N, C-alpha and C. Protein backbone atom coordinates (compact mmCIF):
# COMPACT_ATOMS: atom_id res chain seq x y z
N MET A 1 0.58 -0.93 -0.10
CA MET A 1 -0.19 0.01 -0.01
C MET A 1 0.95 1.23 -0.14
N SER A 2 0.57 2.20 -0.73
CA SER A 2 1.24 3.39 -0.75
C SER A 2 0.82 4.32 0.39
N ARG A 3 1.78 5.06 0.91
CA ARG A 3 2.15 6.07 1.69
C ARG A 3 0.98 7.28 1.16
N LEU A 4 0.09 7.75 1.75
CA LEU A 4 -0.50 9.39 1.65
C LEU A 4 0.45 10.70 1.61
N SER A 5 -0.24 11.20 1.07
CA SER A 5 0.34 12.78 0.96
C SER A 5 -0.84 13.86 0.99
N ILE A 6 -0.84 14.84 1.07
CA ILE A 6 -1.33 16.19 1.47
C ILE A 6 -1.78 16.72 -0.22
N GLY A 7 -3.11 16.21 -0.39
CA GLY A 7 -3.12 16.42 -1.66
C GLY A 7 -3.73 18.19 -2.28
N HIS A 8 -4.52 18.74 -0.97
CA HIS A 8 -4.80 20.05 -1.03
C HIS A 8 -5.37 20.25 0.35
N VAL A 9 -4.87 21.51 0.85
CA VAL A 9 -6.20 21.31 2.14
C VAL A 9 -7.56 22.86 1.51
N GLY A 10 -8.66 23.18 2.37
CA GLY A 10 -10.07 23.23 2.27
C GLY A 10 -9.98 24.30 3.22
N LEU A 11 -9.90 25.32 3.07
CA LEU A 11 -10.03 26.81 3.98
C LEU A 11 -11.21 27.61 3.98
N HIS A 12 -12.19 28.08 4.83
CA HIS A 12 -13.07 28.70 4.88
C HIS A 12 -12.55 30.59 4.98
N VAL A 13 -12.99 31.27 3.79
CA VAL A 13 -12.54 32.72 3.99
C VAL A 13 -13.45 33.44 3.72
N ARG A 14 -13.69 34.73 4.68
CA ARG A 14 -14.30 35.73 3.92
C ARG A 14 -14.00 36.41 2.95
N ASP A 15 -13.65 36.92 2.59
CA ASP A 15 -13.26 37.25 1.37
C ASP A 15 -12.48 36.66 -0.18
N LEU A 16 -13.37 36.20 -1.25
CA LEU A 16 -12.39 35.26 -1.96
C LEU A 16 -11.53 36.28 -2.57
N GLU A 17 -11.46 37.42 -3.01
CA GLU A 17 -10.63 38.11 -3.83
C GLU A 17 -9.40 38.48 -2.74
N GLU A 18 -9.85 38.89 -1.54
CA GLU A 18 -8.95 39.28 -1.06
C GLU A 18 -7.70 37.67 -0.44
N GLU A 19 -8.29 36.93 -0.23
CA GLU A 19 -7.36 35.69 0.25
C GLU A 19 -6.70 35.07 -1.11
N ILE A 20 -7.37 35.41 -2.42
CA ILE A 20 -6.49 35.22 -3.21
C ILE A 20 -5.10 36.00 -3.88
N ALA A 21 -5.45 37.50 -3.73
CA ALA A 21 -4.62 38.38 -3.96
C ALA A 21 -3.41 37.86 -2.74
N PHE A 22 -3.78 37.37 -1.48
CA PHE A 22 -2.79 37.30 -0.15
C PHE A 22 -1.81 36.01 -0.88
N LEU A 23 -2.81 34.69 -1.24
CA LEU A 23 -1.66 33.92 -2.36
C LEU A 23 -1.25 34.19 -3.25
N GLU A 24 -1.85 34.74 -4.07
CA GLU A 24 -0.56 35.32 -5.05
C GLU A 24 0.73 35.80 -4.78
N LEU A 25 0.93 36.74 -3.32
CA LEU A 25 2.06 37.66 -2.87
C LEU A 25 2.66 36.19 -2.43
N ILE A 26 2.33 35.24 -2.25
CA ILE A 26 3.47 34.20 -1.69
C ILE A 26 3.44 33.11 -2.79
N GLY A 27 3.22 33.57 -4.28
CA GLY A 27 3.65 32.71 -5.28
C GLY A 27 2.47 31.96 -5.78
N GLY A 28 1.23 31.71 -5.25
CA GLY A 28 0.08 30.98 -5.52
C GLY A 28 -0.41 31.76 -7.18
N GLU A 29 -1.28 30.49 -7.61
CA GLU A 29 -1.67 30.78 -9.04
C GLU A 29 -3.58 30.48 -9.02
N LEU A 30 -4.16 31.28 -9.34
CA LEU A 30 -5.76 30.99 -9.43
C LEU A 30 -5.58 30.17 -10.36
N THR A 31 -6.15 29.08 -10.23
CA THR A 31 -6.83 27.93 -11.13
C THR A 31 -7.75 28.86 -11.74
N SER A 32 -9.46 28.42 -10.87
CA SER A 32 -10.74 28.50 -11.25
C SER A 32 -11.54 29.23 -10.03
N VAL A 33 -12.64 29.75 -10.57
CA VAL A 33 -13.64 30.05 -9.65
C VAL A 33 -14.81 29.48 -9.72
N ASP A 34 -15.26 29.21 -8.95
CA ASP A 34 -16.61 28.51 -9.31
C ASP A 34 -17.88 29.01 -8.43
N ARG A 35 -18.60 28.57 -8.78
CA ARG A 35 -20.14 28.20 -7.37
C ARG A 35 -20.68 27.13 -6.94
N ALA A 36 -20.85 27.31 -5.86
CA ALA A 36 -20.99 26.05 -4.51
C ALA A 36 -22.16 26.44 -3.72
N PRO A 37 -22.74 25.38 -3.78
CA PRO A 37 -23.82 25.63 -2.99
C PRO A 37 -24.26 26.33 -1.79
N VAL A 38 -23.16 26.41 -1.10
CA VAL A 38 -23.32 27.27 0.25
C VAL A 38 -22.15 29.15 0.06
N GLY A 39 -22.07 29.32 -1.90
CA GLY A 39 -21.04 30.43 -2.26
C GLY A 39 -20.15 29.76 -3.10
N ARG A 40 -19.25 30.85 -3.52
CA ARG A 40 -17.78 31.29 -3.89
C ARG A 40 -16.82 29.93 -3.59
N VAL A 41 -16.34 29.31 -4.80
CA VAL A 41 -14.70 28.11 -4.30
C VAL A 41 -14.09 28.82 -5.36
N ALA A 42 -13.02 28.51 -4.94
CA ALA A 42 -11.70 28.93 -5.51
C ALA A 42 -10.48 27.88 -5.48
N PHE A 43 -9.95 27.47 -6.45
CA PHE A 43 -8.91 27.01 -6.41
C PHE A 43 -7.88 27.23 -6.66
N VAL A 44 -6.73 27.13 -6.07
CA VAL A 44 -5.13 27.80 -6.36
C VAL A 44 -4.01 26.69 -5.88
N SER A 45 -3.12 27.04 -7.47
CA SER A 45 -2.36 25.80 -6.81
C SER A 45 -0.94 27.04 -6.49
N LEU A 46 -0.28 26.32 -5.53
CA LEU A 46 0.82 26.10 -5.11
C LEU A 46 2.46 26.09 -5.51
N ASP A 47 2.10 24.82 -6.21
CA ASP A 47 3.14 24.25 -6.65
C ASP A 47 3.51 24.44 -8.18
N GLY A 48 2.51 24.88 -8.64
CA GLY A 48 2.45 24.86 -10.47
C GLY A 48 2.42 23.96 -11.49
N GLU A 49 1.79 22.77 -10.33
CA GLU A 49 1.98 21.11 -10.99
C GLU A 49 0.46 21.40 -11.35
N ARG A 50 -0.21 20.66 -9.70
CA ARG A 50 -1.23 20.21 -8.96
C ARG A 50 -2.18 21.50 -9.71
N HIS A 51 -3.71 20.83 -9.82
CA HIS A 51 -4.77 21.60 -10.18
C HIS A 51 -5.01 22.82 -9.14
N HIS A 52 -4.95 22.20 -7.70
CA HIS A 52 -4.65 23.13 -6.90
C HIS A 52 -4.07 22.76 -5.29
N SER A 53 -3.48 23.56 -4.46
CA SER A 53 -3.15 23.50 -3.35
C SER A 53 -3.98 23.38 -2.48
N LEU A 54 -4.99 24.44 -2.87
CA LEU A 54 -6.34 25.14 -1.39
C LEU A 54 -7.62 25.43 -2.01
N ALA A 55 -8.64 25.11 -1.32
CA ALA A 55 -9.62 25.34 -2.03
C ALA A 55 -10.15 26.40 -1.47
N LEU A 56 -10.46 27.53 -1.40
CA LEU A 56 -10.94 28.19 -0.58
C LEU A 56 -12.71 28.32 -0.58
N PHE A 57 -13.13 28.37 0.16
CA PHE A 57 -14.48 28.37 0.14
C PHE A 57 -15.12 29.94 1.01
N GLU A 58 -15.71 30.79 -0.12
CA GLU A 58 -15.90 31.54 0.43
C GLU A 58 -17.16 31.78 2.01
N ASP A 59 -17.16 31.73 2.54
CA ASP A 59 -18.16 31.49 3.78
C ASP A 59 -17.54 31.44 5.33
N GLY A 60 -16.62 31.95 5.17
CA GLY A 60 -16.14 32.12 6.40
C GLY A 60 -16.23 33.71 7.15
N ARG A 61 -15.51 33.60 8.30
CA ARG A 61 -15.00 34.80 8.68
C ARG A 61 -13.33 34.51 9.05
N ARG A 62 -12.85 36.06 9.66
CA ARG A 62 -11.73 35.72 10.39
C ARG A 62 -11.62 35.62 11.79
N LEU A 63 -10.54 34.84 12.02
CA LEU A 63 -10.47 34.41 13.52
C LEU A 63 -10.70 34.97 14.11
N PRO A 64 -11.18 34.32 15.58
CA PRO A 64 -11.21 36.01 16.65
C PRO A 64 -10.02 36.12 16.98
N SER A 65 -8.76 35.19 17.58
CA SER A 65 -7.67 35.98 17.85
C SER A 65 -6.88 36.61 16.83
N GLY A 66 -7.23 36.14 15.33
CA GLY A 66 -6.72 36.63 14.32
C GLY A 66 -5.06 35.41 14.39
N ASP A 67 -5.01 34.74 14.89
CA ASP A 67 -3.61 34.09 14.29
C ASP A 67 -4.52 32.17 14.72
N SER A 68 -4.11 31.64 13.66
CA SER A 68 -5.10 30.17 13.76
C SER A 68 -3.67 29.37 15.03
N LYS A 69 -2.83 29.77 14.98
CA LYS A 69 -1.80 29.15 16.36
C LYS A 69 -2.67 29.41 17.48
N LYS A 70 -3.03 30.84 17.84
CA LYS A 70 -3.46 30.90 19.34
C LYS A 70 -5.17 30.11 18.84
N GLU A 71 -5.87 30.13 18.12
CA GLU A 71 -6.92 28.96 18.12
C GLU A 71 -7.27 27.20 18.85
N PRO A 72 -7.58 27.28 19.68
CA PRO A 72 -7.73 25.68 20.27
C PRO A 72 -8.58 25.06 19.07
N VAL A 73 -8.84 25.04 17.94
CA VAL A 73 -9.80 23.91 17.39
C VAL A 73 -9.23 24.77 15.87
N GLY A 74 -9.38 23.32 15.13
CA GLY A 74 -8.87 23.88 13.42
C GLY A 74 -7.45 23.24 13.11
N VAL A 75 -7.40 24.16 11.97
CA VAL A 75 -5.88 24.24 11.06
C VAL A 75 -5.31 25.36 12.10
N HIS A 76 -4.08 24.42 12.58
CA HIS A 76 -2.88 25.41 13.51
C HIS A 76 -1.96 26.49 12.65
N HIS A 77 -1.38 25.55 11.32
CA HIS A 77 -0.88 26.38 10.06
C HIS A 77 -1.10 24.83 9.17
N ILE A 78 -0.48 26.13 8.16
CA ILE A 78 -0.33 25.34 6.56
C ILE A 78 1.02 25.76 6.38
N ALA A 79 1.93 24.83 6.10
CA ALA A 79 3.60 24.38 5.78
C ALA A 79 3.75 24.26 4.45
N LEU A 80 4.87 25.60 3.98
CA LEU A 80 4.65 25.36 2.80
C LEU A 80 6.64 25.31 2.41
N PRO A 81 6.88 24.40 2.21
CA PRO A 81 8.32 24.29 1.59
C PRO A 81 8.87 24.97 0.46
N ALA A 82 10.03 25.33 0.69
CA ALA A 82 10.78 26.36 -0.03
C ALA A 82 12.59 25.69 -0.68
N GLU A 83 12.45 26.28 -1.87
CA GLU A 83 14.07 25.35 -2.04
C GLU A 83 15.02 25.17 -1.37
N SER A 84 15.20 26.79 -0.85
CA SER A 84 16.57 26.69 0.59
C SER A 84 16.37 28.10 1.18
N ILE A 85 16.92 27.67 2.20
CA ILE A 85 16.89 29.17 3.39
C ILE A 85 16.89 30.24 2.82
N ASP A 86 17.70 30.60 1.57
CA ASP A 86 17.74 32.16 1.08
C ASP A 86 16.68 32.27 0.43
N GLU A 87 15.85 31.17 0.15
CA GLU A 87 14.70 31.35 -0.81
C GLU A 87 13.38 31.92 0.72
N VAL A 88 14.12 30.87 1.64
CA VAL A 88 12.57 31.73 2.75
C VAL A 88 13.33 32.77 3.36
N LYS A 89 14.51 33.35 2.77
CA LYS A 89 14.62 34.70 3.30
C LYS A 89 14.45 35.59 2.31
N SER A 90 14.16 35.66 1.41
CA SER A 90 13.83 36.31 0.04
C SER A 90 12.23 36.86 0.08
N ARG A 91 11.61 35.06 0.78
CA ARG A 91 9.83 35.68 0.22
C ARG A 91 9.84 36.21 2.11
N GLN A 92 10.75 36.63 3.29
CA GLN A 92 10.37 37.04 3.77
C GLN A 92 10.53 38.52 3.66
N SER A 93 11.66 39.30 3.11
CA SER A 93 11.62 40.54 2.64
C SER A 93 10.08 41.17 1.67
N ARG A 94 9.91 40.15 0.74
CA ARG A 94 8.69 40.14 0.07
C ARG A 94 7.56 40.58 1.09
N LEU A 95 7.09 39.62 1.91
CA LEU A 95 6.19 39.80 2.86
C LEU A 95 6.33 40.82 3.84
N GLU A 96 7.42 41.16 5.01
CA GLU A 96 7.90 42.73 5.07
C GLU A 96 7.34 43.53 4.48
N ALA A 97 7.58 43.83 2.98
CA ALA A 97 8.09 44.90 2.28
C ALA A 97 6.26 45.64 2.19
N VAL A 98 5.65 44.58 2.45
CA VAL A 98 3.77 44.97 2.29
C VAL A 98 3.22 45.15 3.53
N GLY A 99 3.97 44.91 4.74
CA GLY A 99 3.80 45.27 5.93
C GLY A 99 2.78 43.96 6.75
N ILE A 100 3.33 42.14 6.18
CA ILE A 100 3.03 41.28 7.17
C ILE A 100 4.29 41.12 8.13
N GLU A 101 3.53 40.94 9.31
CA GLU A 101 4.55 40.75 10.37
C GLU A 101 4.52 39.17 10.13
N ILE A 102 5.90 38.84 10.41
CA ILE A 102 6.58 37.59 10.37
C ILE A 102 6.84 37.17 11.95
N ASP A 103 6.53 35.80 11.96
CA ASP A 103 7.03 35.79 13.62
C ASP A 103 8.68 34.52 13.18
N GLY A 104 9.32 34.48 13.69
CA GLY A 104 10.47 33.97 13.26
C GLY A 104 11.81 34.53 12.64
N PRO A 105 12.40 34.69 11.70
CA PRO A 105 13.07 33.39 11.71
C PRO A 105 13.33 32.26 13.00
N TYR A 106 12.38 30.57 12.74
CA TYR A 106 13.86 29.55 13.46
C TYR A 106 14.09 28.31 13.17
N VAL A 107 15.07 27.77 14.13
CA VAL A 107 15.36 26.40 13.13
C VAL A 107 14.67 25.79 14.01
N GLN A 108 14.02 24.84 13.34
CA GLN A 108 13.28 23.87 14.46
C GLN A 108 14.28 22.31 14.76
N GLY A 109 14.93 22.64 15.87
CA GLY A 109 15.50 21.88 16.84
C GLY A 109 16.53 22.27 18.21
N PRO A 110 17.22 21.46 18.81
CA PRO A 110 17.75 22.14 20.16
C PRO A 110 18.30 23.23 20.16
N GLU A 111 18.84 23.65 18.96
CA GLU A 111 20.10 24.43 18.85
C GLU A 111 19.60 25.97 18.19
N GLY A 112 18.13 25.82 17.73
CA GLY A 112 17.37 26.98 16.90
C GLY A 112 16.77 27.49 17.59
N GLY A 113 15.99 27.19 18.94
CA GLY A 113 15.06 27.85 19.67
C GLY A 113 13.56 27.56 18.65
N GLY A 114 13.48 26.36 18.14
CA GLY A 114 12.35 26.21 17.76
C GLY A 114 12.32 25.02 18.66
N LEU A 115 11.11 23.92 18.39
CA LEU A 115 10.91 22.50 18.74
C LEU A 115 12.03 21.91 18.88
N GLU A 116 12.22 21.45 19.90
CA GLU A 116 13.23 20.10 20.62
C GLU A 116 13.64 18.87 19.58
N GLY A 117 12.27 18.17 18.99
CA GLY A 117 11.96 17.36 18.28
C GLY A 117 12.23 17.64 16.88
N GLY A 118 12.17 18.77 16.37
CA GLY A 118 11.75 19.08 15.05
C GLY A 118 12.82 18.90 13.97
N SER A 119 12.83 19.27 12.85
CA SER A 119 13.20 18.70 11.49
C SER A 119 14.66 18.97 11.31
N GLY A 120 15.01 20.18 11.95
CA GLY A 120 15.93 21.08 11.58
C GLY A 120 15.70 21.99 10.90
N SER A 121 14.35 22.22 10.50
CA SER A 121 14.34 23.46 9.18
C SER A 121 14.51 24.95 10.21
N TYR A 122 14.18 25.35 8.90
CA TYR A 122 14.30 27.00 8.88
C TYR A 122 13.23 27.65 8.67
N GLY A 123 12.33 28.37 9.49
CA GLY A 123 10.76 28.66 8.76
C GLY A 123 11.09 29.77 9.13
N ILE A 124 9.65 30.52 8.44
CA ILE A 124 9.24 31.78 9.28
C ILE A 124 7.45 31.50 9.16
N PHE A 125 6.63 32.28 10.31
CA PHE A 125 5.39 32.32 10.05
C PHE A 125 4.50 33.19 9.98
N PHE A 126 3.63 33.21 9.43
CA PHE A 126 2.86 34.79 9.31
C PHE A 126 1.58 34.20 8.95
N THR A 127 0.15 35.30 9.12
CA THR A 127 -1.11 35.03 8.60
C THR A 127 -1.35 35.98 7.72
N ASP A 128 -1.97 34.88 7.07
CA ASP A 128 -3.24 35.51 6.15
C ASP A 128 -4.63 36.61 6.39
N PRO A 129 -5.14 36.94 5.25
CA PRO A 129 -6.29 38.12 5.70
C PRO A 129 -6.98 37.57 6.64
N ASN A 130 -7.29 36.11 6.87
CA ASN A 130 -8.54 35.46 7.63
C ASN A 130 -7.63 35.17 9.06
N GLY A 131 -6.42 35.42 9.28
CA GLY A 131 -6.10 34.84 10.16
C GLY A 131 -5.19 33.62 10.62
N ILE A 132 -5.34 32.62 9.79
CA ILE A 132 -4.52 31.07 9.02
C ILE A 132 -3.54 32.04 9.13
N CYS A 133 -2.34 31.01 10.01
CA CYS A 133 -0.78 31.10 9.94
C CYS A 133 -0.60 29.85 8.70
N PHE A 134 0.59 30.42 8.19
CA PHE A 134 1.28 30.04 6.79
C PHE A 134 2.35 29.75 7.27
N GLU A 135 3.59 28.76 7.17
CA GLU A 135 5.24 28.50 7.45
C GLU A 135 5.57 28.87 5.89
N ILE A 136 6.65 29.04 5.81
CA ILE A 136 7.66 28.73 4.76
C ILE A 136 8.38 28.57 5.49
N TYR A 137 9.07 27.20 4.91
CA TYR A 137 10.26 26.44 5.54
C TYR A 137 11.94 25.96 4.66
N ALA A 138 12.66 25.58 5.17
CA ALA A 138 13.55 24.62 4.23
C ALA A 138 14.51 24.26 4.65
N GLY A 139 14.68 23.22 4.23
CA GLY A 139 16.13 22.37 4.98
C GLY A 139 15.53 21.42 6.07
N GLY A 140 14.62 20.91 5.85
CA GLY A 140 14.37 19.67 7.14
C GLY A 140 15.38 18.60 6.99
N MET A 141 15.07 18.14 8.20
CA MET A 141 15.38 16.48 7.83
C MET A 141 14.41 15.54 6.96
N THR A 142 15.01 14.24 6.27
CA THR A 142 14.21 13.45 6.04
C THR A 142 13.85 12.42 7.23
N LEU A 143 13.02 11.85 6.69
CA LEU A 143 12.58 10.68 8.31
C LEU A 143 14.06 9.93 8.51
N PRO A 144 14.80 9.56 7.66
CA PRO A 144 15.93 8.55 8.01
C PRO A 144 17.23 9.63 9.11
N GLU A 145 17.47 10.72 8.22
CA GLU A 145 18.31 11.61 8.93
C GLU A 145 18.05 11.97 10.33
N PHE A 146 16.51 12.14 10.43
CA PHE A 146 16.11 12.49 12.17
C PHE A 146 15.91 11.27 12.79
N ARG A 147 15.63 10.06 12.18
CA ARG A 147 16.23 8.79 13.29
C ARG A 147 17.65 8.12 13.49
N ARG A 148 18.57 8.96 12.51
CA ARG A 148 19.74 8.49 13.01
C ARG A 148 19.75 10.05 14.21
N THR A 149 19.81 11.27 13.86
CA THR A 149 19.85 11.82 14.95
C THR A 149 19.40 11.51 16.14
N GLY A 150 18.17 11.85 16.26
CA GLY A 150 17.72 10.72 17.30
C GLY A 150 18.56 9.97 18.23
N ALA A 151 18.74 8.79 17.32
CA ALA A 151 19.79 8.05 18.06
C ALA A 151 20.94 8.37 18.09
N ALA A 152 21.05 9.12 17.87
CA ALA A 152 22.73 10.10 18.36
C ALA A 152 22.78 10.48 19.64
N ARG A 153 21.60 11.31 19.74
CA ARG A 153 21.20 11.99 21.13
C ARG A 153 20.75 11.00 21.77
N ALA A 154 20.13 10.08 21.81
CA ALA A 154 19.85 9.01 23.17
C ALA A 154 21.29 8.60 23.26
N VAL A 155 22.34 8.07 22.76
CA VAL A 155 23.52 7.47 22.94
C VAL A 155 24.47 8.52 24.09
N ALA A 156 24.39 9.75 23.32
CA ALA A 156 24.96 11.08 24.03
C ALA A 156 24.49 10.91 25.58
N LYS A 157 23.37 10.53 25.52
CA LYS A 157 22.18 11.40 27.15
C LYS A 157 23.09 10.09 28.23
């Protein structure tokens, strides 16, 4: 049996055009807009290969806290891999240039201020107009690399 991967994520948004503009800012490409029984739905490709990475349903509202990492339900964040740390830094500059607040950067591991059991990736966090948190990251370990690192840490203790 093959392993599963994430095909796409569906998000409730309050304003389709606002969310599409935000996603285009981080490199997304609008594929199509359609009508669903609850309102409009848009499809956005982030990788430029699949028809859509995100399905946007215009039937939502902004999260009360303004940051999905602070909400006790639903999506915590959506992580988007970049080719390199330099690309993460470049995207951070682009986001900051239009006034988007960045949380980070962090290195996900004991040496970088992120999670102790993290992958070693370098990443930044920021929220979309609806308060949904996104992460752009690069450099995470593969599962075999992480297992070797974990085994080495266990031996060192």
